[in-house]
C-alpha atoms as a PDB file:
ATOM      1  CA  MET A   1     113.883 148.774 110.298  1.00  0.00           C
ATOM      2  CA  GLY A   2     110.480 150.367 109.703  1.00  0.00           C
ATOM      3  CA  HIS A   3     109.125 150.354 113.263  1.00  0.00           C
ATOM      4  CA  ARG A   4     112.168 152.087 114.757  1.00  0.00           C
ATOM      5  CA  LYS A   5     111.832 155.827 115.382  1.00  0.00           C
ATOM      6  CA  TYR A   6     115.387 156.467 116.513  1.00  0.00           C
ATOM      7  CA  SER A   7     118.783 155.032 115.621  1.00  0.00           C
ATOM      8  CA  THR A   8     120.372 152.396 117.831  1.00  0.00           C
ATOM      9  CA  PRO A   9     123.945 152.102 119.066  1.00  0.00           C
ATOM     10  CA  ARG A  10     126.261 150.467 116.567  1.00  0.00           C
ATOM     11  CA  ARG A  11     126.629 146.704 116.878  1.00  0.00           C
ATOM     12  CA  GLY A  12     130.093 145.373 117.613  1.00  0.00           C
ATOM     13  CA  SER A  13     133.155 147.251 118.783  1.00  0.00           C
ATOM     14  CA  ILE A  14     135.497 148.859 116.263  1.00  0.00           C
ATOM     15  CA  ALA A  15     138.306 148.680 118.823  1.00  0.00           C
ATOM     16  CA  PHE A  16     139.105 145.057 117.980  1.00  0.00           C
ATOM     17  CA  ARG A  17     140.129 145.300 114.338  1.00  0.00           C
ATOM     18  CA  PRO A  18     141.103 143.486 112.243  1.00  0.00           C
ATOM     19  CA  ARG A  19     139.127 140.456 113.377  1.00  0.00           C
ATOM     20  CA  ALA A  20     141.574 138.098 111.711  1.00  0.00           C
ATOM     21  CA  ARG A  21     143.310 134.939 112.831  1.00  0.00           C
ATOM     22  CA  ALA A  22     146.384 135.490 114.974  1.00  0.00           C
ATOM     23  CA  LYS A  23     149.664 134.833 113.182  1.00  0.00           C
ATOM     24  CA  SER A  24     150.894 132.514 115.919  1.00  0.00           C
ATOM     25  CA  LEU A  25     149.722 130.490 118.908  1.00  0.00           C
ATOM     26  CA  GLU A  26     152.085 132.642 120.967  1.00  0.00           C
ATOM     27  CA  ALA A  27     150.797 136.040 122.096  1.00  0.00           C
ATOM     28  CA  LYS A  28     153.065 139.056 121.591  1.00  0.00           C
ATOM     29  CA  ILE A  29     153.419 141.495 124.488  1.00  0.00           C
ATOM     30  CA  ARG A  30     154.216 144.952 123.136  1.00  0.00           C
ATOM     31  CA  THR A  31     154.059 146.882 126.412  1.00  0.00           C
ATOM     32  CA  TRP A  32     155.786 146.052 129.679  1.00  0.00           C
ATOM     33  CA  PRO A  33     155.546 147.796 133.064  1.00  0.00           C
ATOM     34  CA  GLU A  34     158.447 149.997 134.049  1.00  0.00           C
ATOM     35  CA  ASN A  35     160.040 150.130 137.491  1.00  0.00           C
ATOM     36  CA  VAL A  36     157.776 147.637 139.266  1.00  0.00           C
ATOM     37  CA  ASN A  37     160.065 147.779 142.281  1.00  0.00           C
ATOM     38  CA  ARG A  38     163.374 149.535 141.779  1.00  0.00           C
ATOM     39  CA  GLU A  39     164.878 147.998 144.908  1.00  0.00           C
ATOM     40  CA  SER A  40     164.450 144.385 143.759  1.00  0.00           C
ATOM     41  CA  VAL A  41     165.902 142.919 140.569  1.00  0.00           C
ATOM     42  CA  GLY A  42     163.987 140.268 138.641  1.00  0.00           C
ATOM     43  CA  LEU A  43     161.822 139.398 135.666  1.00  0.00           C
ATOM     44  CA  VAL A  44     158.598 141.356 135.111  1.00  0.00           C
ATOM     45  CA  GLY A  45     156.793 138.479 133.413  1.00  0.00           C
ATOM     46  CA  PHE A  46     156.289 134.731 133.266  1.00  0.00           C
ATOM     47  CA  ALA A  47     154.513 132.130 131.130  1.00  0.00           C
ATOM     48  CA  GLY A  48     152.433 129.006 131.604  1.00  0.00           C
ATOM     49  CA  PHE A  49     149.769 126.787 130.093  1.00  0.00           C
ATOM     50  CA  LYS A  50     146.028 126.984 130.665  1.00  0.00           C
ATOM     51  CA  VAL A  51     144.647 123.942 132.508  1.00  0.00           C
ATOM     52  CA  GLY A  52     140.945 124.463 133.172  1.00  0.00           C
ATOM     53  CA  GLN A  53     138.413 126.210 135.366  1.00  0.00           C
ATOM     54  CA  ILE A  54     137.345 125.547 138.952  1.00  0.00           C
ATOM     55  CA  GLN A  55     135.590 127.346 141.811  1.00  0.00           C
ATOM     56  CA  VAL A  56     137.361 128.835 144.810  1.00  0.00           C
ATOM     57  CA  MET A  57     135.584 130.013 147.960  1.00  0.00           C
ATOM     58  CA  THR A  58     137.351 132.913 149.682  1.00  0.00           C
ATOM     59  CA  VAL A  59     136.577 135.554 152.287  1.00  0.00           C
ATOM     60  CA  ASP A  60     135.778 138.896 150.667  1.00  0.00           C
ATOM     61  CA  ASP A  61     138.593 141.183 151.849  1.00  0.00           C
ATOM     62  CA  LYS A  62     137.638 144.220 149.783  1.00  0.00           C
ATOM     63  CA  GLU A  63     136.539 146.886 152.235  1.00  0.00           C
ATOM     64  CA  LYS A  64     133.450 149.066 151.756  1.00  0.00           C
ATOM     65  CA  THR A  65     131.624 146.343 149.843  1.00  0.00           C
ATOM     66  CA  PRO A  66     128.304 144.718 150.839  1.00  0.00           C
ATOM     67  CA  ASN A  67     129.943 141.278 151.193  1.00  0.00           C
ATOM     68  CA  PHE A  68     133.016 142.379 153.152  1.00  0.00           C
ATOM     69  CA  GLY A  69     134.066 139.587 155.528  1.00  0.00           C
ATOM     70  CA  LYS A  70     131.596 137.096 154.046  1.00  0.00           C
ATOM     71  CA  PRO A  71     132.293 133.920 152.021  1.00  0.00           C
ATOM     72  CA  LEU A  72     132.556 134.588 148.303  1.00  0.00           C
ATOM     73  CA  MET A  73     132.522 131.990 145.507  1.00  0.00           C
ATOM     74  CA  ASN A  74     134.948 132.836 142.693  1.00  0.00           C
ATOM     75  CA  HIS A  75     134.941 131.334 139.225  1.00  0.00           C
ATOM     76  CA  SER A  76     138.670 130.755 138.697  1.00  0.00           C
ATOM     77  CA  THR A  77     141.217 129.388 136.234  1.00  0.00           C
ATOM     78  CA  VAL A  78     144.180 127.072 136.847  1.00  0.00           C
ATOM     79  CA  ILE A  79     147.477 127.797 135.047  1.00  0.00           C
ATOM     80  CA  SER A  80     150.336 125.282 135.030  1.00  0.00           C
ATOM     81  CA  LEU A  81     153.702 127.033 135.387  1.00  0.00           C
ATOM     82  CA  PRO A  82     156.868 125.099 134.560  1.00  0.00           C
ATOM     83  CA  PRO A  83     160.093 126.939 135.424  1.00  0.00           C
ATOM     84  CA  LEU A  84     161.491 129.379 132.872  1.00  0.00           C
ATOM     85  CA  LYS A  85     165.068 128.838 131.752  1.00  0.00           C
ATOM     86  CA  ILE A  86     167.144 131.950 131.085  1.00  0.00           C
ATOM     87  CA  VAL A  87     168.973 130.998 127.887  1.00  0.00           C
ATOM     88  CA  GLY A  88     170.337 134.382 126.852  1.00  0.00           C
ATOM     89  CA  ILE A  89     170.895 138.083 127.497  1.00  0.00           C
ATOM     90  CA  ARG A  90     170.210 140.785 124.924  1.00  0.00           C
ATOM     91  CA  GLY A  91     170.968 144.503 124.997  1.00  0.00           C
ATOM     92  CA  TYR A  92     169.126 147.099 122.921  1.00  0.00           C
ATOM     93  CA  ALA A  93     170.317 150.549 121.866  1.00  0.00           C
ATOM     94  CA  GLU A  94     167.945 153.223 120.590  1.00  0.00           C
ATOM     95  CA  ASP A  95     168.414 155.797 117.828  1.00  0.00           C
ATOM     96  CA  GLN A  96     166.171 157.798 115.506  1.00  0.00           C
ATOM     97  CA  TYR A  97     165.151 154.590 113.716  1.00  0.00           C
ATOM     98  CA  GLY A  98     164.091 152.728 116.856  1.00  0.00           C
ATOM     99  CA  LYS A  99     165.622 149.951 118.931  1.00  0.00           C
ATOM    100  CA  HIS A 100     168.213 147.498 117.654  1.00  0.00           C
ATOM    101  CA  ALA A 101     170.248 144.767 119.354  1.00  0.00           C
ATOM    102  CA  ILE A 102     173.883 145.584 120.100  1.00  0.00           C
ATOM    103  CA  PHE A 103     174.933 142.446 121.984  1.00  0.00           C
ATOM    104  CA  ASP A 104     173.770 138.893 122.656  1.00  0.00           C
ATOM    105  CA  VAL A 105     175.022 136.396 125.214  1.00  0.00           C
ATOM    106  CA  PHE A 106     173.724 132.819 124.993  1.00  0.00           C
ATOM    107  CA  ALA A 107     173.939 129.876 127.358  1.00  0.00           C
ATOM    108  CA  LYS A 108     176.215 127.208 125.893  1.00  0.00           C
ATOM    109  CA  ASP A 109     173.838 124.303 126.576  1.00  0.00           C
ATOM    110  CA  SER A 110     170.841 126.022 124.905  1.00  0.00           C
ATOM    111  CA  LEU A 111     172.236 126.827 121.439  1.00  0.00           C
ATOM    112  CA  LYS A 112     170.219 124.072 119.738  1.00  0.00           C
ATOM    113  CA  ASP A 113     166.920 125.398 121.103  1.00  0.00           C
ATOM    114  CA  LEU A 114     167.815 128.995 120.222  1.00  0.00           C
ATOM    115  CA  SER A 115     168.956 128.323 116.651  1.00  0.00           C
ATOM    116  CA  ALA A 116     165.413 128.427 115.235  1.00  0.00           C
ATOM    117  CA  LYS A 117     164.852 132.026 116.369  1.00  0.00           C
ATOM    118  CA  TYR A 118     168.296 133.615 116.830  1.00  0.00           C
ATOM    119  CA  LYS A 119     171.590 133.623 114.971  1.00  0.00           C
ATOM    120  CA  THR A 120     173.480 131.796 117.665  1.00  0.00           C
ATOM    121  CA  LYS A 121     177.240 131.683 117.708  1.00  0.00           C
ATOM    122  CA  TYR A 122     178.793 130.855 121.044  1.00  0.00           C
ATOM    123  CA  SER A 123     182.106 132.449 121.942  1.00  0.00           C
ATOM    124  CA  GLU A 124     183.989 132.560 125.201  1.00  0.00           C
ATOM    125  CA  ASP A 125     184.490 136.328 125.075  1.00  0.00           C
ATOM    126  CA  SER A 126     180.836 137.208 124.307  1.00  0.00           C
ATOM    127  CA  MET A 127     180.214 138.105 127.949  1.00  0.00           C
ATOM    128  CA  LYS A 128     183.244 140.406 127.996  1.00  0.00           C
ATOM    129  CA  LYS A 129     182.124 142.161 124.790  1.00  0.00           C
ATOM    130  CA  ALA A 130     178.627 142.616 126.226  1.00  0.00           C
ATOM    131  CA  GLU A 131     180.012 144.281 129.350  1.00  0.00           C
ATOM    132  CA  GLU A 132     181.970 146.715 127.176  1.00  0.00           C
ATOM    133  CA  LYS A 133     178.822 147.694 125.226  1.00  0.00           C
ATOM    134  CA  LEU A 134     176.568 147.860 128.287  1.00  0.00           C
ATOM    135  CA  ALA A 135     177.004 151.627 128.688  1.00  0.00           C
ATOM    136  CA  ALA A 136     175.450 152.199 125.250  1.00  0.00           C
ATOM    137  CA  ALA A 137     172.449 149.948 125.966  1.00  0.00           C
ATOM    138  CA  LYS A 138     169.022 151.490 126.442  1.00  0.00           C
ATOM    139  CA  GLN A 139     167.408 148.256 127.638  1.00  0.00           C
ATOM    140  CA  VAL A 140     168.577 144.856 128.879  1.00  0.00           C
ATOM    141  CA  VAL A 141     166.220 141.889 128.467  1.00  0.00           C
ATOM    142  CA  ALA A 142     166.296 138.193 129.266  1.00  0.00           C
ATOM    143  CA  ILE A 143     165.819 135.553 126.572  1.00  0.00           C
ATOM    144  CA  VAL A 144     163.814 132.780 128.217  1.00  0.00           C
ATOM    145  CA  ALA A 145     162.577 129.350 127.170  1.00  0.00           C
ATOM    146  CA  ILE A 146     159.562 127.431 128.459  1.00  0.00           C
ATOM    147  CA  TYR A 147     159.416 123.677 127.809  1.00  0.00           C
ATOM    148  CA  PRO A 148     155.892 122.161 127.500  1.00  0.00           C
ATOM    149  CA  ASN A 149     157.129 118.584 128.025  1.00  0.00           C
ATOM    150  CA  MET A 150     158.254 119.474 131.564  1.00  0.00           C
ATOM    151  CA  ILE A 151     154.607 119.373 132.695  1.00  0.00           C
ATOM    152  CA  GLY A 152     153.614 116.289 130.708  1.00  0.00           C
ATOM    153  CA  LEU A 153     152.603 117.868 127.381  1.00  0.00           C
ATOM    154  CA  SER A 154     153.750 116.219 124.158  1.00  0.00           C
ATOM    155  CA  GLN A 155     155.501 119.235 122.610  1.00  0.00           C
ATOM    156  CA  LYS A 156     159.294 119.094 123.006  1.00  0.00           C
ATOM    157  CA  VAL A 157     160.194 122.306 121.146  1.00  0.00           C
ATOM    158  CA  PRO A 158     160.321 125.193 123.648  1.00  0.00           C
ATOM    159  CA  PHE A 159     158.637 128.567 123.319  1.00  0.00           C
ATOM    160  CA  ILE A 160     161.318 131.271 123.323  1.00  0.00           C
ATOM    161  CA  TYR A 161     160.682 134.961 123.899  1.00  0.00           C
ATOM    162  CA  GLU A 162     162.099 138.032 125.644  1.00  0.00           C
ATOM    163  CA  ILE A 163     161.180 139.437 129.057  1.00  0.00           C
ATOM    164  CA  PRO A 164     162.455 142.789 130.391  1.00  0.00           C
ATOM    165  CA  VAL A 165     164.175 142.926 133.759  1.00  0.00           C
ATOM    166  CA  ASN A 166     163.228 145.143 136.673  1.00  0.00           C
ATOM    167  CA  GLY A 167     165.973 147.083 138.448  1.00  0.00           C
ATOM    168  CA  LYS A 168     167.408 150.510 139.168  1.00  0.00           C
ATOM    169  CA  ASP A 169     169.958 150.528 136.309  1.00  0.00           C
ATOM    170  CA  ASN A 170     171.272 148.402 133.440  1.00  0.00           C
ATOM    171  CA  GLN A 171     174.297 147.273 135.413  1.00  0.00           C
ATOM    172  CA  SER A 172     172.201 145.659 138.149  1.00  0.00           C
ATOM    173  CA  LYS A 173     169.948 144.047 135.532  1.00  0.00           C
ATOM    174  CA  PHE A 174     172.930 142.664 133.633  1.00  0.00           C
ATOM    175  CA  ASP A 175     174.540 141.306 136.805  1.00  0.00           C
ATOM    176  CA  PHE A 176     171.291 139.556 137.726  1.00  0.00           C
ATOM    177  CA  LEU A 177     170.988 137.883 134.316  1.00  0.00           C
ATOM    178  CA  LYS A 178     174.672 136.985 134.318  1.00  0.00           C
ATOM    179  CA  SER A 179     174.238 135.119 137.603  1.00  0.00           C
ATOM    180  CA  LYS A 180     171.091 133.352 136.331  1.00  0.00           C
ATOM    181  CA  LEU A 181     172.282 132.499 132.792  1.00  0.00           C
ATOM    182  CA  GLY A 182     171.518 128.856 132.031  1.00  0.00           C
ATOM    183  CA  GLN A 183     169.493 128.482 135.246  1.00  0.00           C
ATOM    184  CA  GLU A 184     165.772 128.164 135.956  1.00  0.00           C
ATOM    185  CA  VAL A 185     163.445 130.767 137.460  1.00  0.00           C
ATOM    186  CA  ARG A 186     160.260 129.730 139.262  1.00  0.00           C
ATOM    187  CA  VAL A 187     157.023 131.669 139.407  1.00  0.00           C
ATOM    188  CA  SER A 188     157.471 132.357 143.127  1.00  0.00           C
ATOM    189  CA  ASP A 189     160.518 134.464 142.202  1.00  0.00           C
ATOM    190  CA  VAL A 190     158.351 136.760 140.052  1.00  0.00           C
ATOM    191  CA  PHE A 191     154.838 136.997 141.552  1.00  0.00           C
ATOM    192  CA  LYS A 192     153.212 136.929 144.990  1.00  0.00           C
ATOM    193  CA  THR A 193     149.893 135.449 146.083  1.00  0.00           C
ATOM    194  CA  GLY A 194     147.193 138.119 146.166  1.00  0.00           C
ATOM    195  CA  GLN A 195     148.674 140.454 143.576  1.00  0.00           C
ATOM    196  CA  HIS A 196     147.217 141.324 140.173  1.00  0.00           C
ATOM    197  CA  VAL A 197     148.617 140.066 136.873  1.00  0.00           C
ATOM    198  CA  ASP A 198     147.832 140.728 133.220  1.00  0.00           C
ATOM    199  CA  VAL A 199     147.213 137.636 131.069  1.00  0.00           C
ATOM    200  CA  HIS A 200     147.921 137.512 127.324  1.00  0.00           C
ATOM    201  CA  GLY A 201     146.692 134.675 125.144  1.00  0.00           C
ATOM    202  CA  ILE A 202     145.084 133.538 121.892  1.00  0.00           C
ATOM    203  CA  THR A 203     141.343 132.919 122.182  1.00  0.00           C
ATOM    204  CA  ARG A 204     139.482 129.790 121.112  1.00  0.00           C
ATOM    205  CA  GLY A 205     138.941 129.698 117.340  1.00  0.00           C
ATOM    206  CA  LYS A 206     135.344 129.534 116.086  1.00  0.00           C
ATOM    207  CA  GLY A 207     135.882 129.599 112.311  1.00  0.00           C
ATOM    208  CA  VAL A 208     133.742 131.654 109.929  1.00  0.00           C
ATOM    209  CA  GLU A 209     130.589 133.173 111.436  1.00  0.00           C
ATOM    210  CA  GLY A 210     127.875 135.463 110.112  1.00  0.00           C
ATOM    211  CA  PRO A 211     127.266 139.067 111.220  1.00  0.00           C
ATOM    212  CA  ILE A 212     124.579 138.053 113.745  1.00  0.00           C
ATOM    213  CA  THR A 213     126.988 135.920 115.781  1.00  0.00           C
ATOM    214  CA  ARG A 214     130.155 137.845 114.977  1.00  0.00           C
ATOM    215  CA  PHE A 215     128.928 141.359 115.788  1.00  0.00           C
ATOM    216  CA  GLY A 216     125.606 140.900 117.571  1.00  0.00           C
ATOM    217  CA  VAL A 217     123.564 142.512 114.799  1.00  0.00           C
ATOM    218  CA  LYS A 218     119.813 142.218 115.356  1.00  0.00           C
ATOM    219  CA  ARG A 219     117.869 139.749 113.212  1.00  0.00           C
ATOM    220  CA  LYS A 220     115.460 141.192 110.699  1.00  0.00           C
ATOM    221  CA  GLN A 221     111.727 140.444 110.794  1.00  0.00           C
ATOM    222  CA  HIS A 222     110.748 136.891 109.952  1.00  0.00           C
ATOM    223  CA  LYS A 223     108.981 137.944 106.724  1.00  0.00           C
ATOM    224  CA  SER A 224     111.887 140.016 105.423  1.00  0.00           C
ATOM    225  CA  ARG A 225     112.877 139.451 101.812  1.00  0.00           C
ATOM    226  CA  LYS A 226     115.765 137.108 100.924  1.00  0.00           C
ATOM    227  CA  SER A 227     117.573 137.114 104.267  1.00  0.00           C
ATOM    228  CA  VAL A 228     116.903 137.280 108.005  1.00  0.00           C
ATOM    229  CA  ARG A 229     120.338 136.784 109.567  1.00  0.00           C
ATOM    230  CA  ALA A 230     121.983 139.639 107.671  1.00  0.00           C
ATOM    231  CA  VAL A 231     122.449 143.389 107.999  1.00  0.00           C
ATOM    232  CA  GLY A 232     119.682 145.598 106.636  1.00  0.00           C
ATOM    233  CA  THR A 233     121.951 147.678 104.408  1.00  0.00           C
ATOM    234  CA  LEU A 234     125.589 147.746 103.391  1.00  0.00           C
ATOM    235  CA  GLY A 235     125.632 151.538 103.192  1.00  0.00           C
ATOM    236  CA  PRO A 236     124.607 154.458 100.954  1.00  0.00           C
ATOM    237  CA  ILE A 237     124.821 154.511  97.167  1.00  0.00           C
ATOM    238  CA  SER A 238     127.605 157.071  97.372  1.00  0.00           C
ATOM    239  CA  PRO A 239     130.484 156.659  98.072  1.00  0.00           C
ATOM    240  CA  ALA A 240     130.434 153.457  96.037  1.00  0.00           C
ATOM    241  CA  VAL A 241     132.323 151.392  98.614  1.00  0.00           C
ATOM    242  CA  VAL A 242     131.366 149.264 101.582  1.00  0.00           C
ATOM    243  CA  MET A 243     132.804 150.870 104.719  1.00  0.00           C
ATOM    244  CA  TYR A 244     134.953 148.803 107.040  1.00  0.00           C
ATOM    245  CA  THR A 245     132.579 149.628 109.905  1.00  0.00           C
ATOM    246  CA  VAL A 246     129.751 147.557 108.370  1.00  0.00           C
ATOM    247  CA  ALA A 247     129.251 144.172 110.040  1.00  0.00           C
ATOM    248  CA  ARG A 248     130.192 141.371 107.636  1.00  0.00           C
ATOM    249  CA  GLN A 249     130.737 137.656 107.968  1.00  0.00           C
ATOM    250  CA  GLY A 250     134.260 136.398 108.647  1.00  0.00           C
ATOM    251  CA  GLN A 251     136.650 134.945 111.185  1.00  0.00           C
ATOM    252  CA  ARG A 252     135.532 134.720 114.809  1.00  0.00           C
ATOM    253  CA  GLY A 253     137.913 133.665 117.531  1.00  0.00           C
ATOM    254  CA  PHE A 254     141.622 132.840 117.489  1.00  0.00           C
ATOM    255  CA  HIS A 255     142.427 136.475 118.247  1.00  0.00           C
ATOM    256  CA  GLN A 256     145.057 137.823 120.612  1.00  0.00           C
ATOM    257  CA  ARG A 257     143.447 139.292 123.718  1.00  0.00           C
ATOM    258  CA  THR A 258     144.650 140.676 127.057  1.00  0.00           C
ATOM    259  CA  GLU A 259     142.861 140.286 130.378  1.00  0.00           C
ATOM    260  CA  TYR A 260     143.866 142.954 132.898  1.00  0.00           C
ATOM    261  CA  ASN A 261     144.160 142.740 136.686  1.00  0.00           C
ATOM    262  CA  LYS A 262     143.531 139.062 137.375  1.00  0.00           C
ATOM    263  CA  ARG A 263     144.072 138.406 141.076  1.00  0.00           C
ATOM    264  CA  ILE A 264     146.196 135.429 142.127  1.00  0.00           C
ATOM    265  CA  LEU A 265     144.179 133.425 144.661  1.00  0.00           C
ATOM    266  CA  VAL A 266     146.488 130.421 145.076  1.00  0.00           C
ATOM    267  CA  MET A 267     150.097 129.787 144.064  1.00  0.00           C
ATOM    268  CA  ALA A 268     151.450 126.376 145.053  1.00  0.00           C
ATOM    269  CA  ASN A 269     152.985 123.092 143.910  1.00  0.00           C
ATOM    270  CA  SER A 270     150.958 120.009 143.004  1.00  0.00           C
ATOM    271  CA  GLU A 271     153.016 117.901 145.432  1.00  0.00           C
ATOM    272  CA  ASN A 272     151.893 120.065 148.369  1.00  0.00           C
ATOM    273  CA  LYS A 273     148.456 118.512 148.857  1.00  0.00           C
ATOM    274  CA  ASP A 274     148.078 119.876 152.392  1.00  0.00           C
ATOM    275  CA  LEU A 275     147.262 123.322 150.993  1.00  0.00           C
ATOM    276  CA  VAL A 276     145.164 122.336 147.949  1.00  0.00           C
ATOM    277  CA  ASP A 277     144.645 118.988 146.226  1.00  0.00           C
ATOM    278  CA  ILE A 278     144.387 120.524 142.784  1.00  0.00           C
ATOM    279  CA  ASN A 279     144.020 117.395 140.633  1.00  0.00           C
ATOM    280  CA  PRO A 280     140.529 115.879 140.263  1.00  0.00           C
ATOM    281  CA  LYS A 281     140.118 112.148 139.769  1.00  0.00           C
ATOM    282  CA  GLY A 282     141.212 111.376 136.236  1.00  0.00           C
ATOM    283  CA  GLY A 283     142.758 114.807 135.740  1.00  0.00           C
ATOM    284  CA  PHE A 284     141.410 117.938 134.097  1.00  0.00           C
ATOM    285  CA  LYS A 285     139.399 117.533 130.915  1.00  0.00           C
ATOM    286  CA  HIS A 286     141.523 118.042 127.766  1.00  0.00           C
ATOM    287  CA  PHE A 287     144.642 118.587 129.895  1.00  0.00           C
ATOM    288  CA  GLY A 288     145.335 115.787 132.356  1.00  0.00           C
ATOM    289  CA  MET A 289     147.153 115.996 135.668  1.00  0.00           C
ATOM    290  CA  VAL A 290     148.853 119.159 136.910  1.00  0.00           C
ATOM    291  CA  ASN A 291     152.531 118.541 137.661  1.00  0.00           C
ATOM    292  CA  GLY A 292     154.744 121.055 139.435  1.00  0.00           C
ATOM    293  CA  ASP A 293     154.017 124.712 140.105  1.00  0.00           C
ATOM    294  CA  TYR A 294     150.625 126.211 139.314  1.00  0.00           C
ATOM    295  CA  MET A 295     148.511 129.243 140.127  1.00  0.00           C
ATOM    296  CA  ILE A 296     144.790 129.902 140.394  1.00  0.00           C
ATOM    297  CA  VAL A 297     143.627 133.298 139.145  1.00  0.00           C
ATOM    298  CA  ARG A 298     140.196 134.780 139.688  1.00  0.00           C
ATOM    299  CA  GLY A 299     138.047 134.905 136.560  1.00  0.00           C
ATOM    300  CA  THR A 300     138.596 133.579 133.057  1.00  0.00           C
ATOM    301  CA  ILE A 301     141.546 133.901 130.699  1.00  0.00           C
ATOM    302  CA  PRO A 302     141.808 133.547 126.893  1.00  0.00           C
ATOM    303  CA  GLY A 303     142.477 130.257 125.175  1.00  0.00           C
ATOM    304  CA  VAL A 304     141.817 126.548 125.381  1.00  0.00           C
ATOM    305  CA  PRO A 305     143.476 123.978 127.671  1.00  0.00           C
ATOM    306  CA  LYS A 306     147.190 123.351 126.917  1.00  0.00           C
ATOM    307  CA  ARG A 307     147.526 126.743 125.196  1.00  0.00           C
ATOM    308  CA  LEU A 308     150.395 129.040 126.107  1.00  0.00           C
ATOM    309  CA  VAL A 309     149.504 132.132 128.142  1.00  0.00           C
ATOM    310  CA  LYS A 310     151.902 134.910 129.096  1.00  0.00           C
ATOM    311  CA  LEU A 311     151.759 136.775 132.392  1.00  0.00           C
ATOM    312  CA  ARG A 312     153.179 140.156 133.327  1.00  0.00           C
ATOM    313  CA  HIS A 313     153.066 142.591 136.205  1.00  0.00           C
ATOM    314  CA  PRO A 314     149.969 144.817 135.800  1.00  0.00           C
ATOM    315  CA  ILE A 315     150.215 148.126 133.964  1.00  0.00           C
ATOM    316  CA  ARG A 316     146.753 149.435 134.970  1.00  0.00           C
ATOM    317  CA  SER A 317     146.416 148.144 138.514  1.00  0.00           C
ATOM    318  CA  LYS A 318     145.119 150.394 141.304  1.00  0.00           C
ATOM    319  CA  GLN A 319     146.210 147.890 143.939  1.00  0.00           C
ATOM    320  CA  THR A 320     147.989 149.811 146.718  1.00  0.00           C
ATOM    321  CA  LYS A 321     148.903 146.844 148.908  1.00  0.00           C
ATOM    322  CA  ILE A 322     149.027 143.092 148.366  1.00  0.00           C
ATOM    323  CA  ASN A 323     146.883 141.059 150.767  1.00  0.00           C
ATOM    324  CA  GLU A 324     147.025 137.290 150.592  1.00  0.00           C
ATOM    325  CA  PRO A 325     143.454 136.009 150.104  1.00  0.00           C
ATOM    326  CA  LYS A 326     141.945 133.707 152.719  1.00  0.00           C
ATOM    327  CA  VAL A 327     140.916 130.564 150.832  1.00  0.00           C
ATOM    328  CA  LEU A 328     138.143 128.547 152.486  1.00  0.00           C
ATOM    329  CA  GLU A 329     137.630 125.812 149.895  1.00  0.00           C
ATOM    330  CA  VAL A 330     138.720 124.820 146.397  1.00  0.00           C
ATOM    331  CA  VAL A 331     135.983 123.024 144.446  1.00  0.00           C
ATOM    332  CA  VAL A 332     137.689 120.947 141.743  1.00  0.00           C
END
């Protein structure tokens, strides 16, 4: 632009590329924390469905801050958490080509749900064969299923994915999954109130947007020729290509995003109304009534109501000790 003497910072981050629609409504977690607590054995992640947003008043317990010990209003999000069902055990070996599965053990009553994603073939001696191959396994993971209709949603088909197990060795992890195969795991078995969690989800889709909205490019002057809500130039005459760094119109929203270090303020059951009466009159907008276990995390998370979100133990947390927050009021 003619009046500008110096260049400005580039508009829009190049870190989030490609800005394309996610392939699935289900977020993919590619990195998991290692050795959360070697003494305890359990899952390092969970899953739930976004409900809506509320306000929670707590006492600021972060020392050396101006508001320490004073009431603090937190914009928070409610997540409904039906129990996870452990429907299988999988072991991975690793070679120069990467990881590959060497054994699978499936729960007999879950073969129909698993058939869409795994080659399921139940056999009585599958557990014995898995124990023989356990020494060659690099990693042991749990195959879990989450059923949306357990909390009143219309979808009957479960979401099935894999969660690593925390423990000191593969034998203890395998023994834990063997004892839990075909059973349900609740969120209280995985997380504690006051700790941080990472939230993975697919953001709200916005459709096709121009470069002004999509990248935050500045509008041109109102008397500019041909266009106002467009970039000033697509690049130099040579090389004769448009660089990928130039802001162009395209898809906005419906991307996979991760929110780090979301603190759990409340973790309870909807039937326990003495602690928090979580359901407003008429239910949450676009969701309805919360049934069963739920948690309230501080801040916002990706997605729209009823969308699947995945939780994991934090991989970037600087939290040295877990203090349960003192909740004064929940404004629904």
